[in-house]
C-alpha cells in the first residue's frame, strides 16, 4: 500500500510539472523547429574576419600611430645642437657720442657634444623605436588571437543551436511515438508527460542558445570594428584539428616573438641610458668665433674663444646611480618575463595536447557509440523490446556526447589560438625580424 501511495505522489508531481510547462507560450506547443538556413545570410570566414579586424580595428590604429611617433622621435634624437648668433656693441653713449667710437662684435657660438652623448641618444631612440614596433606587432597578434577565439566561440554556439534544433525535433518525434503508445494502452500516461517535459526543456535550451548566438555575434563584430551587418560563420574555415608539434618546436620560437624582442630592446635602452649618464658627467665645450668692427678707424679683427663648464658641484653621480639601478631592474624583468613565458607555454601546450586527445577520442569512440546506442534503443522501443526510459537515457547520452564534442572542438581552437599567439605564428617573417 505504501508503494502505491508513493507512486501516486510521484505521478501527481510529474503531472503538475507537465501542466506548468505546457503553460509556457506557444513555443512549447511546437512539434518541430525548422533548421535556420545560413545561406540566407552572408557567410564570414575566419580569414575575412581577421582581415577586416586588421583593417578597421581602432586599437590597432592607435598602436600604429604610437609606432610612427617613435620613428619621429628617432629622427629628432640624431639632431645636432643649433649654433647661436651673437651681437655685442661696446663704447656707446656714456662718455662716448653715439656709435662713432663703438666696437661691434658679430659672433657665432657652437656647442660641441663630446663622444658618447649624441650616439647614446640615438641608441636610446632606436631601442624605443624597436620597442614601439614590437608592441605594435604584439597588439596585432592579440587582435588575431581575439578574433580567432571569438570566431570559434560563435561557431560553437551556432553548432549548439543546430544540435538543439535536432534535439528538439527528435524529442517531438519521440513524443508522438510515446503518445501513440499511450493512446493504444501500451504505455502509462506518465510516459507521455515525461516526453512532453523533455521536449519543452529542449525548446528552452534552444532559445537560450539563440540568445547566446546573438551575443557572440556582437562580440566578434566589435573586434572587427563594427558595422559588419548580419552574418553566419562556418566551422569549416577554422583549422582542421591536427596533432600538436613537439614542445621543443614551440619553445624554439619564443626568442623571436615580439614579447621577448620588446624586452631585449628595453635592456638595450637601459644600457644606452647608463652610457649617456656617464658621458653627461663631462661637460661639453662651447666654441665662439666672430668679427669685431672698430667704428673709430673702420678696422676689423677676428675674435675666438672657448668656454667649458667646470664640473665641481654637479658630476652627475646620482644620474649614473639611477641609470645603474634601472639597468639592473630591466635585466631582472627580462629574465623573469622569459621564465614566465616559458611557464605559460608549458601550460598552454599541455592544454592544447589534452584538447586534441579529447577531440579525437570523442570523434572516434564516444560519438559513434552514442549514436549506435540511441538508434538501437529507438528501434527496440518501436518493436516493444525496450521501455521509454531506455530511449530517453540513450537520447540524452547522444546529445550530451555531441555537445561535449562541440565543446572539445571549441577548446581545441582556443588552445591552438593561444599557442599561436605566444609563439607569434601569424607574424610575417619580415615583421618578426
Protein backbone atom coordinates (compact mmCIF):
# COMPACT_ATOMS: atom_id res chain seq x y z
CA UNK A 1 0.00 0.00 0.00
CA UNK A 2 2.89 2.30 0.80
CA UNK A 3 4.38 1.76 -2.63
CA UNK A 4 1.12 2.64 -4.35
CA UNK A 5 0.78 5.91 -2.40
CA UNK A 6 4.36 6.83 -3.11
CA UNK A 7 3.96 6.07 -6.83
CA UNK A 8 0.77 8.10 -6.89
CA UNK A 9 2.57 11.05 -5.27
CA UNK A 10 5.26 10.92 -7.90
CA UNK A 11 2.61 10.77 -10.62
CA UNK A 12 0.89 13.87 -9.23
CA UNK A 13 4.21 15.79 -9.13
CA UNK A 14 5.03 14.86 -12.70
CA UNK A 15 1.55 15.84 -13.89
CA UNK A 16 1.81 19.20 -12.13
CA UNK A 17 5.21 19.84 -13.69
CA UNK A 18 3.88 18.91 -17.10
CA UNK A 19 0.89 21.23 -16.69
CA UNK A 20 3.15 24.12 -15.69
CA UNK A 21 5.46 23.58 -18.62
CA UNK A 22 2.52 23.42 -21.01
CA UNK A 23 1.61 26.91 -19.86
CA UNK A 24 4.81 28.21 -21.44
CA UNK A 25 3.98 30.30 -24.55
CA UNK A 26 3.32 28.76 -27.89
CA UNK A 27 6.93 27.76 -28.27
CA UNK A 28 6.20 24.70 -26.10
CA UNK A 29 3.45 23.62 -28.43
CA UNK A 30 5.70 23.36 -31.46
CA UNK A 31 6.22 19.84 -32.65
CA UNK A 32 9.25 20.61 -34.80
CA UNK A 33 11.62 23.50 -35.35
CA UNK A 34 12.97 24.22 -38.78
CA UNK A 35 16.77 24.50 -39.01
CA UNK A 36 17.82 28.03 -39.98
CA UNK A 37 19.41 28.21 -43.38
CA UNK A 38 22.73 30.08 -43.18
CA UNK A 39 22.66 30.63 -46.94
CA UNK A 40 20.16 33.45 -46.41
CA UNK A 41 22.92 35.46 -44.70
CA UNK A 42 26.44 36.36 -45.69
CA UNK A 43 28.96 33.70 -44.70
CA UNK A 44 32.01 35.12 -42.93
CA UNK A 45 35.21 33.07 -42.95
CA UNK A 46 37.91 33.30 -40.31
CA UNK A 47 40.34 34.83 -42.81
CA UNK A 48 37.82 37.53 -43.72
CA UNK A 49 37.15 38.28 -40.06
CA UNK A 50 40.87 38.67 -39.31
CA UNK A 51 41.47 40.81 -42.39
CA UNK A 52 38.55 43.10 -41.50
CA UNK A 53 39.76 43.47 -37.92
CA UNK A 54 43.31 44.31 -39.02
CA UNK A 55 41.91 46.95 -41.35
CA UNK A 56 39.29 48.58 -39.13
CA UNK A 57 40.34 48.00 -35.52
CA UNK A 58 40.81 51.31 -33.65
CA UNK A 59 43.12 49.62 -31.16
CA UNK A 60 45.50 48.60 -33.93
CA UNK A 61 45.29 52.08 -35.49
CA UNK A 62 46.29 53.67 -32.18
CA UNK A 63 49.21 51.27 -31.84
CA UNK A 64 50.38 52.12 -35.36
CA UNK A 65 50.30 55.84 -34.53
CA UNK A 66 52.46 55.24 -31.45
CA UNK A 67 54.96 53.31 -33.57
CA UNK A 68 55.03 56.16 -36.10
CA UNK A 69 55.63 58.64 -33.27
CA UNK A 70 58.68 56.65 -32.20
CA UNK A 71 60.02 56.94 -35.76
CA UNK A 72 59.80 60.72 -35.50
CA UNK A 73 61.47 60.64 -32.08
CA UNK A 74 64.34 58.65 -33.57
CA UNK A 75 64.89 61.30 -36.25
CA UNK A 76 64.89 64.04 -33.62
CA UNK A 77 67.40 62.22 -31.40
CA UNK A 78 70.12 62.48 -34.06
CA UNK A 79 69.80 66.26 -34.47
CA UNK A 80 72.89 68.37 -33.67
CA UNK A 81 72.71 71.38 -31.31
CA UNK A 82 71.87 74.64 -33.04
CA UNK A 83 74.56 77.34 -33.35
CA UNK A 84 73.99 80.66 -31.60
CA UNK A 85 74.39 84.06 -33.24
CA UNK A 86 75.54 86.93 -31.03
CA UNK A 87 75.83 90.70 -31.46
CA UNK A 88 77.73 92.83 -28.96
CA UNK A 89 78.28 96.60 -29.02
CA UNK A 90 80.79 98.45 -26.77
CA UNK A 91 81.73 102.10 -26.23
CA UNK A 92 78.30 103.52 -26.95
CA UNK A 93 76.79 106.52 -25.22
CA UNK A 94 78.07 107.41 -21.76
CA UNK A 95 81.41 109.23 -22.30
CA UNK A 96 81.13 108.38 -25.97
CA UNK A 97 78.98 110.14 -28.50
CA UNK A 98 76.66 107.66 -30.19
CA UNK A 99 78.11 104.87 -32.30
CA UNK A 100 81.08 106.76 -33.77
CA UNK A 101 83.58 105.10 -31.43
CA UNK A 102 81.65 101.91 -30.95
CA UNK A 103 83.22 98.45 -31.11
CA UNK A 104 80.70 96.00 -32.58
CA UNK A 105 81.36 92.27 -32.42
CA UNK A 106 79.47 89.81 -34.63
CA UNK A 107 79.94 86.24 -33.49
CA UNK A 108 78.66 82.72 -33.66
CA UNK A 109 78.98 80.04 -31.00
CA UNK A 110 78.57 76.29 -31.26
CA UNK A 111 78.16 73.73 -28.52
CA UNK A 112 80.23 70.65 -29.41
CA UNK A 113 78.99 67.42 -27.81
CA UNK A 114 81.70 65.08 -26.66
CA UNK A 115 81.67 61.48 -27.89
CA UNK A 116 79.12 59.21 -26.18
CA UNK A 117 76.23 61.68 -25.96
CA UNK A 118 74.63 62.00 -29.36
CA UNK A 119 75.44 58.38 -30.17
CA UNK A 120 73.79 57.09 -26.99
CA UNK A 121 70.77 59.32 -27.53
CA UNK A 122 70.39 57.71 -30.94
CA UNK A 123 70.73 54.24 -29.40
CA UNK A 124 68.04 55.06 -26.84
CA UNK A 125 65.72 56.35 -29.57
CA UNK A 126 66.45 53.27 -31.71
CA UNK A 127 65.62 50.98 -28.80
CA UNK A 128 62.42 52.91 -28.08
CA UNK A 129 61.51 52.71 -31.75
CA UNK A 130 62.06 48.96 -31.85
CA UNK A 131 60.08 48.54 -28.64
CA UNK A 132 57.15 50.50 -30.09
CA UNK A 133 57.14 48.46 -33.29
CA UNK A 134 57.34 45.19 -31.35
CA UNK A 135 54.48 46.43 -29.19
CA UNK A 136 52.52 47.10 -32.39
CA UNK A 137 53.24 43.54 -33.52
CA UNK A 138 52.04 42.25 -30.14
CA UNK A 139 48.79 44.24 -30.46
CA UNK A 140 48.30 42.76 -33.93
CA UNK A 141 48.83 39.24 -32.57
CA UNK A 142 46.45 39.96 -29.68
CA UNK A 143 43.82 41.09 -32.18
CA UNK A 144 44.24 37.97 -34.32
CA UNK A 145 44.00 35.83 -31.19
CA UNK A 146 40.88 37.65 -30.01
CA UNK A 147 39.17 37.36 -33.40
CA UNK A 148 40.06 33.67 -33.68
CA UNK A 149 38.68 32.86 -30.24
CA UNK A 150 35.55 34.96 -30.82
CA UNK A 151 35.03 33.26 -34.18
CA UNK A 152 35.44 29.81 -32.61
CA UNK A 153 33.03 30.76 -29.80
CA UNK A 154 30.45 31.90 -32.32
CA UNK A 155 30.90 28.77 -34.43
CA UNK A 156 30.49 26.59 -31.34
CA UNK A 157 27.30 28.36 -30.25
CA UNK A 158 26.00 28.21 -33.81
CA UNK A 159 26.66 24.47 -33.78
CA UNK A 160 24.94 24.23 -30.38
CA UNK A 161 21.85 25.79 -31.95
CA UNK A 162 21.86 23.18 -34.73
CA UNK A 163 22.27 20.38 -32.17
CA UNK A 164 19.46 21.73 -30.02
CA UNK A 165 17.19 22.12 -33.05
CA UNK A 166 17.83 18.48 -33.90
CA UNK A 167 17.33 17.51 -30.26
CA UNK A 168 14.01 19.38 -30.14
CA UNK A 169 12.80 17.79 -33.37
CA UNK A 170 13.84 14.38 -32.12
CA UNK A 171 12.10 14.99 -28.79
CA UNK A 172 8.96 15.91 -30.73
CA UNK A 173 9.17 12.69 -32.75
CA UNK A 174 9.65 10.63 -29.59
CA UNK A 175 6.68 12.44 -28.02
CA UNK A 176 4.49 11.49 -30.98
CA UNK A 177 5.64 7.88 -30.70
CA UNK A 178 5.00 7.78 -26.96
CA UNK A 179 1.61 9.46 -27.37
CA UNK A 180 0.58 6.81 -29.89
CA UNK A 181 1.57 4.05 -27.48
CA UNK A 182 -0.31 5.74 -24.63
CA UNK A 183 -3.46 6.02 -26.73
CA UNK A 184 -3.09 2.35 -27.64
CA UNK A 185 -2.80 1.47 -23.95
CA UNK A 186 0.71 0.12 -24.33
CA UNK A 187 2.29 2.84 -22.11
CA UNK A 188 1.04 4.59 -18.97
CA UNK A 189 0.08 8.30 -19.34
CA UNK A 190 3.01 9.37 -17.20
CA UNK A 191 5.41 8.44 -20.01
CA UNK A 192 3.71 10.95 -22.28
CA UNK A 193 4.12 13.63 -19.63
CA UNK A 194 7.83 12.84 -19.37
CA UNK A 195 8.20 13.12 -23.13
CA UNK A 196 6.42 16.48 -23.10
CA UNK A 197 8.77 17.71 -20.36
CA UNK A 198 11.77 16.63 -22.41
CA UNK A 199 10.50 18.49 -25.49
CA UNK A 200 9.77 21.66 -23.53
CA UNK A 201 13.17 21.56 -21.83
CA UNK A 202 14.86 21.23 -25.23
CA UNK A 203 12.91 24.25 -26.50
CA UNK A 204 14.02 26.35 -23.53
CA UNK A 205 17.62 25.35 -24.09
CA UNK A 206 17.28 26.22 -27.77
CA UNK A 207 16.01 29.72 -27.04
CA UNK A 208 18.87 30.25 -24.58
CA UNK A 209 21.39 29.17 -27.20
CA UNK A 210 19.92 31.56 -29.76
CA UNK A 211 20.33 34.48 -27.34
CA UNK A 212 23.93 33.42 -26.73
CA UNK A 213 24.41 33.28 -30.50
CA UNK A 214 23.42 36.93 -30.88
CA UNK A 215 25.74 37.97 -28.04
CA UNK A 216 28.72 36.12 -29.53
CA UNK A 217 27.99 37.64 -32.92
CA UNK A 218 28.07 41.14 -31.43
CA UNK A 219 31.37 40.39 -29.68
CA UNK A 220 33.00 39.31 -32.94
CA UNK A 221 31.56 42.31 -34.79
CA UNK A 222 33.04 44.67 -32.18
CA UNK A 223 36.51 43.18 -32.67
CA UNK A 224 36.15 43.76 -36.42
CA UNK A 225 35.43 47.44 -35.91
CA UNK A 226 31.63 47.24 -36.08
CA UNK A 227 29.30 47.84 -38.99
CA UNK A 228 29.64 44.30 -40.32
CA UNK A 229 25.94 43.56 -40.62
CA UNK A 230 24.29 40.18 -40.16
CA UNK A 231 26.35 37.11 -40.97
CA UNK A 232 26.94 33.47 -40.17
CA UNK A 233 30.23 31.69 -39.65
CA UNK A 234 31.38 28.34 -40.88
CA UNK A 235 33.21 25.82 -38.77
CA UNK A 236 34.99 24.70 -41.93
CA UNK A 237 37.08 27.87 -42.10
CA UNK A 238 38.72 27.02 -38.76
CA UNK A 239 41.92 24.97 -38.99
CA UNK A 240 41.33 21.24 -39.09
CA UNK A 241 42.31 19.77 -35.70
CA UNK A 242 45.79 18.33 -36.01
CA UNK A 243 48.26 16.81 -33.61
CA UNK A 244 50.44 19.44 -31.87
CA UNK A 245 54.08 19.74 -32.84
CA UNK A 246 56.75 18.72 -30.31
CA UNK A 247 57.10 21.11 -27.39
CA UNK A 248 60.68 21.96 -28.37
CA UNK A 249 59.44 23.37 -31.69
CA UNK A 250 57.24 25.92 -29.94
CA UNK A 251 59.91 26.67 -27.34
CA UNK A 252 62.43 27.49 -30.08
CA UNK A 253 60.10 30.19 -31.45
CA UNK A 254 59.89 32.16 -28.21
CA UNK A 255 63.14 34.16 -28.61
CA UNK A 256 61.86 35.60 -31.92
CA UNK A 257 58.48 36.73 -30.60
CA UNK A 258 57.71 40.46 -30.22
CA UNK A 259 57.20 39.99 -26.48
CA UNK A 260 60.79 38.81 -25.98
CA UNK A 261 62.19 41.24 -28.56
CA UNK A 262 60.48 44.12 -26.77
CA UNK A 263 62.18 43.10 -23.51
CA UNK A 264 65.54 42.93 -25.28
CA UNK A 265 65.01 46.43 -26.67
CA UNK A 266 64.26 47.65 -23.15
CA UNK A 267 67.60 46.21 -21.96
CA UNK A 268 69.45 47.94 -24.81
CA UNK A 269 67.72 51.19 -23.93
CA UNK A 270 68.72 50.88 -20.27
CA UNK A 271 72.35 50.18 -21.19
CA UNK A 272 72.45 53.17 -23.53
CA UNK A 273 70.88 55.36 -20.85
CA UNK A 274 73.64 54.39 -18.41
CA UNK A 275 76.30 55.19 -21.01
CA UNK A 276 74.65 58.54 -21.68
CA UNK A 277 74.59 59.44 -17.98
CA UNK A 278 78.29 58.63 -17.71
CA UNK A 279 79.00 60.79 -20.74
CA UNK A 280 76.95 63.64 -19.27
CA UNK A 281 79.36 63.77 -16.33
CA UNK A 282 81.86 65.51 -18.62
CA UNK A 283 80.70 68.98 -19.72
CA UNK A 284 80.60 69.95 -23.38
CA UNK A 285 82.73 72.87 -24.61
CA UNK A 286 81.31 75.81 -26.49
CA UNK A 287 83.41 77.42 -29.24
CA UNK A 288 82.96 81.07 -30.22
CA UNK A 289 84.23 82.84 -33.32
CA UNK A 290 83.39 86.24 -34.72
CA UNK A 291 84.48 89.61 -36.13
CA UNK A 292 85.00 92.83 -34.16
CA UNK A 293 84.29 96.06 -36.03
CA UNK A 294 86.08 99.21 -34.76
CA UNK A 295 83.97 102.11 -35.95
CA UNK A 296 86.56 104.72 -34.90
CA UNK A 297 89.05 103.78 -37.62
CA UNK A 298 86.97 101.32 -39.64
CA UNK A 299 89.28 98.41 -38.79
CA UNK A 300 88.27 94.80 -38.09
CA UNK A 301 89.70 91.93 -36.07
CA UNK A 302 88.94 88.22 -35.68
CA UNK A 303 87.89 87.07 -32.23
CA UNK A 304 87.68 83.48 -30.97
CA UNK A 305 87.02 81.79 -27.66
CA UNK A 306 86.07 78.63 -25.84
CA UNK A 307 84.09 78.06 -22.68
CA UNK A 308 83.98 74.85 -20.64
CA UNK A 309 81.80 74.32 -17.54
CA UNK A 310 83.79 73.24 -14.51
CA UNK A 311 82.29 70.02 -13.01
CA UNK A 312 82.64 70.98 -9.37
CA UNK A 313 79.12 70.92 -7.93
CA UNK A 314 77.46 68.56 -10.40
CA UNK A 315 79.29 65.47 -11.61
CA UNK A 316 76.06 63.57 -12.37
CA UNK A 317 76.77 60.87 -9.79
CA UNK A 318 73.09 60.50 -8.92
CA UNK A 319 72.12 60.20 -12.59
CA UNK A 320 74.67 57.43 -13.11
CA UNK A 321 73.49 55.62 -9.99
CA UNK A 322 69.86 55.83 -11.04
CA UNK A 323 70.63 54.52 -14.54
CA UNK A 324 72.59 51.63 -12.99
CA UNK A 325 69.64 50.61 -10.83
CA UNK A 326 67.31 50.95 -13.81
CA UNK A 327 69.53 48.62 -15.84
CA UNK A 328 69.60 46.03 -13.06
CA UNK A 329 65.81 46.19 -12.77
CA UNK A 330 65.27 45.83 -16.51
CA UNK A 331 67.64 42.86 -16.74
CA UNK A 332 65.80 41.15 -13.86
CA UNK A 333 62.46 41.89 -15.52
CA UNK A 334 63.78 40.40 -18.75
CA UNK A 335 64.86 37.21 -17.05
CA UNK A 336 61.60 36.92 -15.09
CA UNK A 337 59.47 37.56 -18.18
CA UNK A 338 61.29 34.86 -20.15
CA UNK A 339 60.71 32.34 -17.36
CA UNK A 340 57.05 33.39 -17.21
CA UNK A 341 56.63 32.97 -20.97
CA UNK A 342 58.17 29.50 -20.84
CA UNK A 343 55.87 28.53 -17.97
CA UNK A 344 52.85 29.86 -19.87
CA UNK A 345 53.89 27.98 -22.98
CA UNK A 346 54.23 24.77 -20.98
CA UNK A 347 50.72 25.17 -19.57
CA UNK A 348 49.18 26.09 -22.92
CA UNK A 349 50.94 23.20 -24.65
CA UNK A 350 49.55 20.76 -22.07
CA UNK A 351 46.03 22.12 -22.54
CA UNK A 352 46.47 22.04 -26.32
CA UNK A 353 47.57 18.40 -26.30
CA UNK A 354 44.74 17.41 -23.94
CA UNK A 355 42.15 19.18 -26.09
CA UNK A 356 43.40 17.37 -29.19
CA UNK A 357 43.34 13.96 -27.46
CA UNK A 358 39.84 14.59 -26.11
CA UNK A 359 38.59 15.65 -29.54
CA UNK A 360 39.99 12.53 -31.20
CA UNK A 361 38.56 10.23 -28.51
CA UNK A 362 35.09 11.79 -28.72
CA UNK A 363 35.05 11.70 -32.51
CA UNK A 364 36.34 8.15 -32.96
CA UNK A 365 34.82 6.34 -29.98
CA UNK A 366 32.21 8.21 -27.96
CA UNK A 367 30.09 9.75 -30.72
CA UNK A 368 29.73 6.59 -32.88
CA UNK A 369 28.88 4.53 -29.78
CA UNK A 370 26.28 7.01 -28.56
CA UNK A 371 24.63 7.24 -32.00
CA UNK A 372 24.55 3.46 -32.34
CA UNK A 373 23.11 3.02 -28.83
CA UNK A 374 20.35 5.55 -29.45
CA UNK A 375 19.41 4.05 -32.79
CA UNK A 376 19.32 0.58 -31.22
CA UNK A 377 17.20 1.80 -28.27
CA UNK A 378 14.76 3.62 -30.53
CA UNK A 379 14.28 0.67 -32.83
CA UNK A 380 13.85 -1.61 -29.82
CA UNK A 381 11.27 0.74 -28.33
CA UNK A 382 9.28 0.76 -31.58
CA UNK A 383 9.38 -3.05 -31.53
CA UNK A 384 8.30 -3.15 -27.88
CA UNK A 385 11.60 -4.58 -26.62
CA UNK A 386 12.63 -1.53 -24.53
CA UNK A 387 10.82 0.95 -22.35
CA UNK A 388 10.66 4.70 -22.81
CA UNK A 389 13.25 5.31 -20.10
CA UNK A 390 15.79 3.38 -22.15
CA UNK A 391 15.11 5.58 -25.17
CA UNK A 392 15.25 8.73 -23.03
CA UNK A 393 18.56 7.70 -21.48
CA UNK A 394 20.07 6.89 -24.89
CA UNK A 395 18.80 10.18 -26.30
CA UNK A 396 20.36 12.20 -23.50
CA UNK A 397 23.63 10.32 -23.84
CA UNK A 398 23.74 11.03 -27.57
CA UNK A 399 23.14 14.74 -27.33
CA UNK A 400 25.41 15.11 -24.33
CA UNK A 401 28.15 13.47 -26.39
CA UNK A 402 27.50 15.82 -29.31
CA UNK A 403 27.61 18.86 -27.04
CA UNK A 404 30.76 17.59 -25.35
CA UNK A 405 32.39 17.06 -28.74
CA UNK A 406 31.38 20.58 -29.78
CA UNK A 407 32.93 21.99 -26.59
CA UNK A 408 36.09 19.96 -27.12
CA UNK A 409 36.43 21.40 -30.64
CA UNK A 410 35.98 24.89 -29.19
CA UNK A 411 38.60 24.23 -26.51
CA UNK A 412 40.98 22.90 -29.15
CA UNK A 413 40.71 26.08 -31.22
CA UNK A 414 41.08 28.26 -28.14
CA UNK A 415 44.25 26.48 -27.09
CA UNK A 416 45.58 26.49 -30.63
CA UNK A 417 44.96 30.24 -30.87
CA UNK A 418 46.73 30.74 -27.54
CA UNK A 419 49.82 28.79 -28.57
CA UNK A 420 49.90 30.60 -31.92
CA UNK A 421 49.70 33.92 -30.09
CA UNK A 422 52.52 33.21 -27.64
CA UNK A 423 54.79 31.88 -30.41
CA UNK A 424 53.85 34.63 -32.92
CA UNK A 425 52.90 32.19 -35.67
CA UNK A 426 50.85 34.78 -37.58
CA UNK A 427 53.63 37.37 -37.63
CA UNK A 428 55.21 37.78 -41.06
CA UNK A 429 58.94 36.90 -41.21
CA UNK A 430 59.99 40.42 -42.12
CA UNK A 431 57.91 41.81 -39.26
CA UNK A 432 59.31 39.22 -36.87
CA UNK A 433 62.84 40.28 -37.78
